[in-house]
Amino acid sequence: MPIRRTKLKNILLVCTGNTCRSPMAEAMLDGAVDESDILDGTIKTDSAGTFAFDGSEPAAHAKTVMKELGFNIDRHRSKQVDQELVDWADMILTMDTYGLEQMQVMFPEAADKMLPLKSFACKDSAEKENEEYYNIEDPYGEDLETYRSCAAEIKFCIDKLVEELENLHE
């Protein structure tokens, strides 16, 4: 699904528990937007989970990895995705196809503004046809190296997303 040719203002990033992938992606996207001469100040972000317990801290390894990358997510607290967040968002990016399917069932009226974050990293049509390609695996409960790998994958996708957003805002 291509980005609609409008200037996006609000982007919601969604994973399962809102303690690993989506808060990491939110912090990275915020940082990239702040560093962009084109996007600075034009985009707001938020994150939530499809099965989140409100108020949980980020996973310890997520905090560690993000600090290694120069981001602090210590103040983040998880929250369940709700209608208000969905209405607020111009674009909803999920961390995997399962999350996308959950969101489409929960909020079918907003399906046209949902897509996997990894869709921005597709290199060729063969990858686009492989549903598994769109999944950024959940590192929850895994070791620090798995979190580092997940963060690198998210960063690559965020960089591609920012390129697309800059093209829309030029």
N, C-alpha and C. Protein backbone atom coordinates (compact mmCIF):
# COMPACT_ATOMS: atom_id res chain seq x y z
N MET A 1 0.84 -1.18 0.00
CA MET A 1 0.00 0.00 0.00
C MET A 1 0.89 1.24 0.00
N PRO A 2 0.79 2.08 -0.98
CA PRO A 2 1.61 3.29 -1.02
C PRO A 2 1.10 4.33 -0.03
N ILE A 3 1.99 5.24 0.33
CA ILE A 3 1.57 6.34 1.19
C ILE A 3 0.64 7.23 0.38
N ARG A 4 -0.45 7.64 1.01
CA ARG A 4 -1.34 8.58 0.34
C ARG A 4 -0.59 9.89 0.12
N ARG A 5 -0.84 10.51 -0.98
CA ARG A 5 -0.13 11.73 -1.34
C ARG A 5 -0.67 12.95 -0.60
N THR A 6 -0.65 12.86 0.70
CA THR A 6 -1.02 13.99 1.54
C THR A 6 0.09 14.18 2.55
N LYS A 7 0.14 15.35 3.14
CA LYS A 7 1.15 15.59 4.16
C LYS A 7 0.68 14.96 5.47
N LEU A 8 1.37 13.93 5.88
CA LEU A 8 1.02 13.21 7.10
C LEU A 8 1.47 14.01 8.31
N LYS A 9 0.64 14.02 9.33
CA LYS A 9 0.98 14.74 10.56
C LYS A 9 1.14 13.82 11.75
N ASN A 10 0.34 12.77 11.83
CA ASN A 10 0.32 11.91 13.01
C ASN A 10 0.53 10.45 12.61
N ILE A 11 1.57 9.84 13.16
CA ILE A 11 1.90 8.45 12.85
C ILE A 11 1.85 7.63 14.13
N LEU A 12 1.07 6.55 14.09
CA LEU A 12 0.94 5.62 15.21
C LEU A 12 1.71 4.35 14.87
N LEU A 13 2.58 3.93 15.77
CA LEU A 13 3.36 2.70 15.60
C LEU A 13 2.81 1.66 16.57
N VAL A 14 2.53 0.46 16.05
CA VAL A 14 1.82 -0.55 16.84
C VAL A 14 2.56 -1.88 16.83
N CYS A 15 2.70 -2.46 18.02
CA CYS A 15 3.20 -3.83 18.15
C CYS A 15 2.25 -4.57 19.09
N THR A 16 2.70 -5.62 19.72
CA THR A 16 1.81 -6.40 20.58
C THR A 16 1.69 -5.79 21.97
N GLY A 17 2.79 -5.70 22.70
CA GLY A 17 2.73 -5.26 24.09
C GLY A 17 3.13 -3.82 24.34
N ASN A 18 3.64 -3.13 23.32
CA ASN A 18 4.07 -1.74 23.42
C ASN A 18 5.18 -1.57 24.46
N THR A 19 6.05 -2.60 24.56
CA THR A 19 7.20 -2.50 25.47
C THR A 19 8.53 -2.72 24.75
N CYS A 20 8.51 -3.11 23.50
CA CYS A 20 9.75 -3.39 22.76
C CYS A 20 9.78 -2.65 21.42
N ARG A 21 9.17 -3.25 20.41
CA ARG A 21 9.33 -2.77 19.04
C ARG A 21 8.72 -1.39 18.80
N SER A 22 7.46 -1.19 19.16
CA SER A 22 6.84 0.10 18.82
C SER A 22 7.44 1.27 19.59
N PRO A 23 7.81 1.14 20.88
CA PRO A 23 8.47 2.29 21.50
C PRO A 23 9.87 2.56 20.92
N MET A 24 10.57 1.50 20.51
CA MET A 24 11.87 1.72 19.85
C MET A 24 11.65 2.45 18.53
N ALA A 25 10.68 2.01 17.75
CA ALA A 25 10.39 2.65 16.46
C ALA A 25 9.94 4.09 16.66
N GLU A 26 9.12 4.34 17.67
CA GLU A 26 8.66 5.70 17.94
C GLU A 26 9.83 6.63 18.25
N ALA A 27 10.74 6.19 19.11
CA ALA A 27 11.89 7.01 19.47
C ALA A 27 12.78 7.27 18.25
N MET A 28 13.00 6.24 17.45
CA MET A 28 13.82 6.40 16.24
C MET A 28 13.18 7.34 15.24
N LEU A 29 11.86 7.22 15.05
CA LEU A 29 11.17 8.09 14.12
C LEU A 29 11.18 9.53 14.62
N ASP A 30 10.94 9.72 15.92
CA ASP A 30 11.02 11.07 16.49
C ASP A 30 12.39 11.69 16.23
N GLY A 31 13.44 10.90 16.47
CA GLY A 31 14.80 11.40 16.26
C GLY A 31 15.06 11.74 14.81
N ALA A 32 14.62 10.89 13.91
CA ALA A 32 14.84 11.12 12.48
C ALA A 32 14.07 12.35 11.99
N VAL A 33 12.87 12.53 12.49
CA VAL A 33 12.07 13.71 12.12
C VAL A 33 12.75 14.98 12.63
N ASP A 34 13.24 14.94 13.87
CA ASP A 34 13.93 16.10 14.43
C ASP A 34 15.19 16.46 13.64
N GLU A 35 15.88 15.46 13.12
CA GLU A 35 17.11 15.69 12.37
C GLU A 35 16.86 16.10 10.92
N SER A 36 15.66 15.90 10.43
CA SER A 36 15.34 16.20 9.03
C SER A 36 15.06 17.69 8.84
N ASP A 37 15.75 18.29 7.88
CA ASP A 37 15.48 19.69 7.55
C ASP A 37 14.08 19.86 6.97
N ILE A 38 13.57 18.82 6.34
CA ILE A 38 12.26 18.89 5.69
C ILE A 38 11.13 18.59 6.66
N LEU A 39 11.33 17.60 7.54
CA LEU A 39 10.24 17.12 8.39
C LEU A 39 10.19 17.74 9.78
N ASP A 40 11.26 18.35 10.23
CA ASP A 40 11.34 18.83 11.61
C ASP A 40 10.10 19.63 12.00
N GLY A 41 9.43 19.17 13.03
CA GLY A 41 8.25 19.86 13.54
C GLY A 41 6.95 19.57 12.82
N THR A 42 6.98 18.75 11.79
CA THR A 42 5.76 18.52 11.01
C THR A 42 5.03 17.23 11.36
N ILE A 43 5.71 16.31 12.04
CA ILE A 43 5.12 15.00 12.30
C ILE A 43 5.16 14.68 13.79
N LYS A 44 4.02 14.21 14.29
CA LYS A 44 3.93 13.73 15.67
C LYS A 44 3.80 12.22 15.64
N THR A 45 4.34 11.56 16.66
CA THR A 45 4.27 10.11 16.72
C THR A 45 3.71 9.66 18.06
N ASP A 46 3.21 8.45 18.07
CA ASP A 46 2.78 7.80 19.30
C ASP A 46 2.91 6.30 19.05
N SER A 47 2.80 5.52 20.11
CA SER A 47 2.85 4.07 19.95
C SER A 47 1.88 3.42 20.91
N ALA A 48 1.47 2.21 20.56
CA ALA A 48 0.52 1.45 21.38
C ALA A 48 0.65 -0.02 21.02
N GLY A 49 -0.07 -0.85 21.78
CA GLY A 49 -0.03 -2.28 21.53
C GLY A 49 -1.42 -2.85 21.34
N THR A 50 -1.48 -3.95 20.59
CA THR A 50 -2.76 -4.62 20.38
C THR A 50 -3.16 -5.48 21.57
N PHE A 51 -2.18 -5.79 22.42
CA PHE A 51 -2.45 -6.57 23.63
C PHE A 51 -1.54 -6.04 24.74
N ALA A 52 -1.68 -4.75 25.03
CA ALA A 52 -0.80 -4.09 25.99
C ALA A 52 -1.48 -3.93 27.34
N PHE A 53 -0.67 -4.00 28.36
CA PHE A 53 -1.13 -3.68 29.71
C PHE A 53 -0.71 -2.24 29.99
N ASP A 54 -1.67 -1.37 30.18
CA ASP A 54 -1.38 0.05 30.38
C ASP A 54 -0.41 0.26 31.54
N GLY A 55 0.62 1.07 31.28
CA GLY A 55 1.54 1.49 32.32
C GLY A 55 2.80 0.67 32.49
N SER A 56 3.01 -0.35 31.66
CA SER A 56 4.23 -1.16 31.79
C SER A 56 5.44 -0.40 31.25
N GLU A 57 6.58 -0.62 31.88
CA GLU A 57 7.83 -0.03 31.41
C GLU A 57 8.33 -0.78 30.18
N PRO A 58 9.18 -0.15 29.39
CA PRO A 58 9.80 -0.87 28.28
C PRO A 58 10.63 -2.04 28.81
N ALA A 59 10.81 -3.05 28.00
CA ALA A 59 11.67 -4.17 28.36
C ALA A 59 13.08 -3.66 28.65
N ALA A 60 13.72 -4.28 29.63
CA ALA A 60 15.06 -3.84 30.04
C ALA A 60 16.04 -3.82 28.87
N HIS A 61 16.03 -4.87 28.05
CA HIS A 61 16.94 -4.92 26.91
C HIS A 61 16.60 -3.84 25.87
N ALA A 62 15.33 -3.51 25.73
CA ALA A 62 14.95 -2.43 24.81
C ALA A 62 15.54 -1.11 25.29
N LYS A 63 15.47 -0.85 26.59
CA LYS A 63 16.05 0.38 27.14
C LYS A 63 17.57 0.40 26.92
N THR A 64 18.22 -0.73 27.16
CA THR A 64 19.67 -0.81 26.99
C THR A 64 20.08 -0.54 25.55
N VAL A 65 19.44 -1.22 24.62
CA VAL A 65 19.78 -1.06 23.21
C VAL A 65 19.52 0.37 22.75
N MET A 66 18.43 0.94 23.16
CA MET A 66 18.13 2.30 22.74
C MET A 66 19.14 3.29 23.32
N LYS A 67 19.58 3.08 24.55
CA LYS A 67 20.63 3.94 25.11
C LYS A 67 21.91 3.81 24.30
N GLU A 68 22.24 2.59 23.87
CA GLU A 68 23.42 2.39 23.02
C GLU A 68 23.31 3.19 21.73
N LEU A 69 22.10 3.37 21.25
CA LEU A 69 21.86 4.11 20.00
C LEU A 69 21.62 5.60 20.22
N GLY A 70 21.67 6.03 21.48
CA GLY A 70 21.52 7.45 21.78
C GLY A 70 20.10 7.90 22.06
N PHE A 71 19.21 6.96 22.36
CA PHE A 71 17.81 7.28 22.67
C PHE A 71 17.49 6.86 24.10
N ASN A 72 16.62 7.60 24.73
CA ASN A 72 16.18 7.24 26.08
C ASN A 72 14.68 6.99 26.05
N ILE A 73 14.29 5.74 26.30
CA ILE A 73 12.86 5.40 26.32
C ILE A 73 12.40 5.04 27.74
N ASP A 74 13.20 5.42 28.74
CA ASP A 74 12.88 5.09 30.13
C ASP A 74 11.51 5.61 30.58
N ARG A 75 11.09 6.74 30.07
CA ARG A 75 9.82 7.33 30.51
C ARG A 75 8.60 6.75 29.79
N HIS A 76 8.83 5.99 28.75
CA HIS A 76 7.72 5.39 28.00
C HIS A 76 6.93 4.45 28.91
N ARG A 77 5.62 4.48 28.78
CA ARG A 77 4.74 3.53 29.45
C ARG A 77 3.79 2.97 28.40
N SER A 78 3.60 1.68 28.46
CA SER A 78 2.78 1.00 27.46
C SER A 78 1.32 1.42 27.55
N LYS A 79 0.66 1.31 26.41
CA LYS A 79 -0.79 1.55 26.38
C LYS A 79 -1.43 0.71 25.29
N GLN A 80 -2.67 0.38 25.53
CA GLN A 80 -3.47 -0.38 24.58
C GLN A 80 -3.96 0.57 23.48
N VAL A 81 -3.91 0.11 22.26
CA VAL A 81 -4.44 0.91 21.16
C VAL A 81 -5.95 1.07 21.37
N ASP A 82 -6.46 2.25 21.07
CA ASP A 82 -7.90 2.49 21.23
C ASP A 82 -8.40 3.37 20.08
N GLN A 83 -9.69 3.58 20.06
CA GLN A 83 -10.32 4.33 18.97
C GLN A 83 -9.78 5.75 18.87
N GLU A 84 -9.52 6.37 20.00
CA GLU A 84 -9.00 7.74 19.98
C GLU A 84 -7.65 7.83 19.27
N LEU A 85 -6.76 6.88 19.56
CA LEU A 85 -5.46 6.86 18.88
C LEU A 85 -5.61 6.59 17.39
N VAL A 86 -6.48 5.66 17.04
CA VAL A 86 -6.71 5.33 15.64
C VAL A 86 -7.27 6.54 14.89
N ASP A 87 -8.20 7.25 15.50
CA ASP A 87 -8.76 8.44 14.88
C ASP A 87 -7.71 9.54 14.73
N TRP A 88 -6.82 9.67 15.70
CA TRP A 88 -5.76 10.68 15.69
C TRP A 88 -4.77 10.44 14.55
N ALA A 89 -4.50 9.19 14.27
CA ALA A 89 -3.42 8.84 13.33
C ALA A 89 -3.82 9.04 11.87
N ASP A 90 -2.88 9.60 11.11
CA ASP A 90 -3.01 9.66 9.66
C ASP A 90 -2.45 8.40 9.02
N MET A 91 -1.51 7.76 9.73
CA MET A 91 -0.90 6.52 9.27
C MET A 91 -0.66 5.63 10.49
N ILE A 92 -0.95 4.34 10.33
CA ILE A 92 -0.74 3.37 11.40
C ILE A 92 0.21 2.31 10.86
N LEU A 93 1.36 2.18 11.50
CA LEU A 93 2.38 1.24 11.07
C LEU A 93 2.52 0.12 12.09
N THR A 94 2.35 -1.10 11.62
CA THR A 94 2.46 -2.26 12.50
C THR A 94 3.83 -2.90 12.34
N MET A 95 4.22 -3.66 13.35
CA MET A 95 5.53 -4.29 13.33
C MET A 95 5.52 -5.65 12.64
N ASP A 96 4.33 -6.17 12.37
CA ASP A 96 4.24 -7.46 11.68
C ASP A 96 2.86 -7.61 11.05
N THR A 97 2.71 -8.64 10.24
CA THR A 97 1.43 -8.85 9.56
C THR A 97 0.34 -9.32 10.52
N TYR A 98 0.72 -10.03 11.57
CA TYR A 98 -0.27 -10.44 12.56
C TYR A 98 -0.88 -9.21 13.23
N GLY A 99 -0.04 -8.25 13.59
CA GLY A 99 -0.54 -7.00 14.18
C GLY A 99 -1.41 -6.23 13.21
N LEU A 100 -1.02 -6.25 11.94
CA LEU A 100 -1.83 -5.59 10.91
C LEU A 100 -3.21 -6.22 10.84
N GLU A 101 -3.25 -7.55 10.81
CA GLU A 101 -4.54 -8.25 10.76
C GLU A 101 -5.38 -7.96 12.00
N GLN A 102 -4.75 -7.94 13.18
CA GLN A 102 -5.47 -7.63 14.41
C GLN A 102 -6.07 -6.22 14.33
N MET A 103 -5.27 -5.28 13.89
CA MET A 103 -5.73 -3.89 13.79
C MET A 103 -6.88 -3.77 12.79
N GLN A 104 -6.80 -4.47 11.67
CA GLN A 104 -7.86 -4.41 10.67
C GLN A 104 -9.17 -4.99 11.19
N VAL A 105 -9.08 -5.99 12.06
CA VAL A 105 -10.28 -6.55 12.67
C VAL A 105 -10.83 -5.61 13.74
N MET A 106 -9.94 -5.05 14.55
CA MET A 106 -10.36 -4.16 15.64
C MET A 106 -10.91 -2.83 15.13
N PHE A 107 -10.31 -2.32 14.05
CA PHE A 107 -10.66 -0.99 13.54
C PHE A 107 -10.80 -1.04 12.01
N PRO A 108 -11.79 -1.77 11.50
CA PRO A 108 -11.90 -1.95 10.04
C PRO A 108 -12.09 -0.64 9.28
N GLU A 109 -12.70 0.34 9.91
CA GLU A 109 -12.93 1.61 9.23
C GLU A 109 -11.63 2.37 8.95
N ALA A 110 -10.55 1.99 9.62
CA ALA A 110 -9.27 2.67 9.44
C ALA A 110 -8.25 1.82 8.67
N ALA A 111 -8.71 0.73 8.09
CA ALA A 111 -7.79 -0.20 7.41
C ALA A 111 -7.00 0.47 6.29
N ASP A 112 -7.55 1.49 5.67
CA ASP A 112 -6.86 2.15 4.55
C ASP A 112 -5.65 2.97 4.99
N LYS A 113 -5.48 3.18 6.28
CA LYS A 113 -4.30 3.93 6.73
C LYS A 113 -3.33 3.05 7.53
N MET A 114 -3.47 1.73 7.38
CA MET A 114 -2.61 0.77 8.08
C MET A 114 -1.70 0.04 7.10
N LEU A 115 -0.46 -0.17 7.50
CA LEU A 115 0.46 -1.00 6.75
C LEU A 115 1.63 -1.39 7.64
N PRO A 116 2.34 -2.46 7.28
CA PRO A 116 3.50 -2.84 8.07
C PRO A 116 4.65 -1.85 7.87
N LEU A 117 5.34 -1.52 8.95
CA LEU A 117 6.50 -0.64 8.86
C LEU A 117 7.51 -1.17 7.85
N LYS A 118 7.68 -2.46 7.82
CA LYS A 118 8.71 -3.06 6.96
C LYS A 118 8.38 -2.94 5.48
N SER A 119 7.17 -2.55 5.14
CA SER A 119 6.83 -2.38 3.72
C SER A 119 7.70 -1.30 3.07
N PHE A 120 8.28 -0.41 3.87
CA PHE A 120 9.15 0.63 3.32
C PHE A 120 10.53 0.10 2.96
N ALA A 121 10.84 -1.12 3.40
CA ALA A 121 12.16 -1.68 3.16
C ALA A 121 12.17 -2.73 2.05
N CYS A 122 11.03 -2.97 1.40
CA CYS A 122 10.97 -3.97 0.33
C CYS A 122 11.88 -3.56 -0.82
N LYS A 123 12.71 -4.48 -1.25
CA LYS A 123 13.65 -4.19 -2.32
C LYS A 123 13.16 -4.64 -3.69
N ASP A 124 12.38 -5.71 -3.70
CA ASP A 124 11.92 -6.20 -4.99
C ASP A 124 10.56 -6.87 -4.85
N SER A 125 9.96 -7.18 -5.97
CA SER A 125 8.60 -7.72 -5.95
C SER A 125 8.52 -9.10 -5.31
N ALA A 126 9.60 -9.88 -5.37
CA ALA A 126 9.58 -11.20 -4.73
C ALA A 126 9.41 -11.06 -3.23
N GLU A 127 10.09 -10.09 -2.64
CA GLU A 127 9.93 -9.85 -1.21
C GLU A 127 8.52 -9.36 -0.91
N LYS A 128 7.99 -8.51 -1.75
CA LYS A 128 6.65 -7.97 -1.52
C LYS A 128 5.59 -9.05 -1.52
N GLU A 129 5.83 -10.14 -2.24
CA GLU A 129 4.87 -11.24 -2.31
C GLU A 129 4.95 -12.16 -1.10
N ASN A 130 6.04 -12.08 -0.34
CA ASN A 130 6.25 -12.96 0.81
C ASN A 130 5.77 -12.26 2.07
N GLU A 131 4.64 -12.71 2.60
CA GLU A 131 4.04 -12.08 3.77
C GLU A 131 4.99 -12.07 4.97
N GLU A 132 5.79 -13.11 5.12
CA GLU A 132 6.74 -13.19 6.24
C GLU A 132 7.77 -12.07 6.18
N TYR A 133 8.06 -11.57 4.99
CA TYR A 133 9.06 -10.51 4.85
C TYR A 133 8.66 -9.27 5.65
N TYR A 134 7.39 -9.03 5.82
CA TYR A 134 6.90 -7.82 6.47
C TYR A 134 6.98 -7.88 7.99
N ASN A 135 7.44 -8.99 8.55
CA ASN A 135 7.47 -9.15 9.99
C ASN A 135 8.81 -8.74 10.59
N ILE A 136 8.74 -7.85 11.56
CA ILE A 136 9.87 -7.56 12.43
C ILE A 136 9.61 -8.39 13.68
N GLU A 137 10.41 -9.43 13.86
CA GLU A 137 10.15 -10.40 14.93
C GLU A 137 10.18 -9.74 16.30
N ASP A 138 9.27 -10.18 17.16
CA ASP A 138 9.16 -9.66 18.52
C ASP A 138 10.33 -10.19 19.36
N PRO A 139 11.16 -9.31 19.92
CA PRO A 139 12.30 -9.77 20.70
C PRO A 139 11.96 -10.05 22.17
N TYR A 140 10.71 -9.83 22.56
CA TYR A 140 10.33 -9.95 23.97
C TYR A 140 10.81 -11.27 24.57
N GLY A 141 11.53 -11.17 25.68
CA GLY A 141 12.02 -12.35 26.38
C GLY A 141 13.30 -12.93 25.82
N GLU A 142 13.82 -12.34 24.76
CA GLU A 142 15.05 -12.85 24.13
C GLU A 142 16.28 -12.13 24.71
N ASP A 143 17.45 -12.50 24.21
CA ASP A 143 18.70 -11.93 24.73
C ASP A 143 18.98 -10.55 24.11
N LEU A 144 20.00 -9.90 24.67
CA LEU A 144 20.35 -8.55 24.25
C LEU A 144 20.70 -8.48 22.77
N GLU A 145 21.38 -9.48 22.26
CA GLU A 145 21.77 -9.49 20.85
C GLU A 145 20.54 -9.52 19.94
N THR A 146 19.51 -10.23 20.35
CA THR A 146 18.26 -10.27 19.57
C THR A 146 17.63 -8.88 19.53
N TYR A 147 17.67 -8.17 20.65
CA TYR A 147 17.16 -6.80 20.68
C TYR A 147 17.98 -5.88 19.78
N ARG A 148 19.29 -6.07 19.77
CA ARG A 148 20.14 -5.26 18.89
C ARG A 148 19.78 -5.50 17.43
N SER A 149 19.58 -6.75 17.09
CA SER A 149 19.21 -7.09 15.72
C SER A 149 17.85 -6.50 15.36
N CYS A 150 16.91 -6.59 16.27
CA CYS A 150 15.57 -6.02 16.05
C CYS A 150 15.67 -4.50 15.86
N ALA A 151 16.45 -3.84 16.71
CA ALA A 151 16.60 -2.39 16.61
C ALA A 151 17.23 -1.99 15.28
N ALA A 152 18.20 -2.76 14.81
CA ALA A 152 18.83 -2.46 13.52
C ALA A 152 17.83 -2.59 12.38
N GLU A 153 16.99 -3.61 12.46
CA GLU A 153 15.96 -3.81 11.43
C GLU A 153 14.95 -2.65 11.45
N ILE A 154 14.54 -2.25 12.64
CA ILE A 154 13.61 -1.13 12.77
C ILE A 154 14.25 0.14 12.23
N LYS A 155 15.51 0.39 12.57
CA LYS A 155 16.20 1.60 12.12
C LYS A 155 16.26 1.66 10.60
N PHE A 156 16.56 0.54 9.96
CA PHE A 156 16.59 0.50 8.50
C PHE A 156 15.23 0.89 7.93
N CYS A 157 14.16 0.35 8.50
CA CYS A 157 12.81 0.65 8.02
C CYS A 157 12.45 2.11 8.28
N ILE A 158 12.82 2.63 9.43
CA ILE A 158 12.54 4.04 9.76
C ILE A 158 13.27 4.95 8.77
N ASP A 159 14.51 4.63 8.46
CA ASP A 159 15.26 5.45 7.48
C ASP A 159 14.55 5.48 6.13
N LYS A 160 14.05 4.33 5.68
CA LYS A 160 13.32 4.28 4.41
C LYS A 160 12.00 5.04 4.50
N LEU A 161 11.32 4.91 5.62
CA LEU A 161 10.07 5.66 5.84
C LEU A 161 10.33 7.16 5.77
N VAL A 162 11.37 7.61 6.44
CA VAL A 162 11.68 9.04 6.46
C VAL A 162 11.98 9.55 5.05
N GLU A 163 12.68 8.76 4.25
CA GLU A 163 12.91 9.16 2.85
C GLU A 163 11.59 9.39 2.13
N GLU A 164 10.65 8.47 2.31
CA GLU A 164 9.32 8.60 1.68
C GLU A 164 8.60 9.85 2.19
N LEU A 165 8.64 10.07 3.49
CA LEU A 165 7.95 11.22 4.08
C LEU A 165 8.56 12.53 3.60
N GLU A 166 9.87 12.57 3.49
CA GLU A 166 10.52 13.78 2.99
C GLU A 166 10.08 14.07 1.55
N ASN A 167 9.96 13.04 0.74
CA ASN A 167 9.48 13.22 -0.63
C ASN A 167 8.07 13.79 -0.66
N LEU A 168 7.23 13.37 0.26
CA LEU A 168 5.86 13.89 0.32
C LEU A 168 5.80 15.34 0.76
N HIS A 169 6.73 15.73 1.61
CA HIS A 169 6.70 17.07 2.20
C HIS A 169 7.48 18.11 1.41
N GLU A 170 8.19 17.67 0.38
CA GLU A 170 8.97 18.63 -0.42
C GLU A 170 8.06 19.49 -1.27
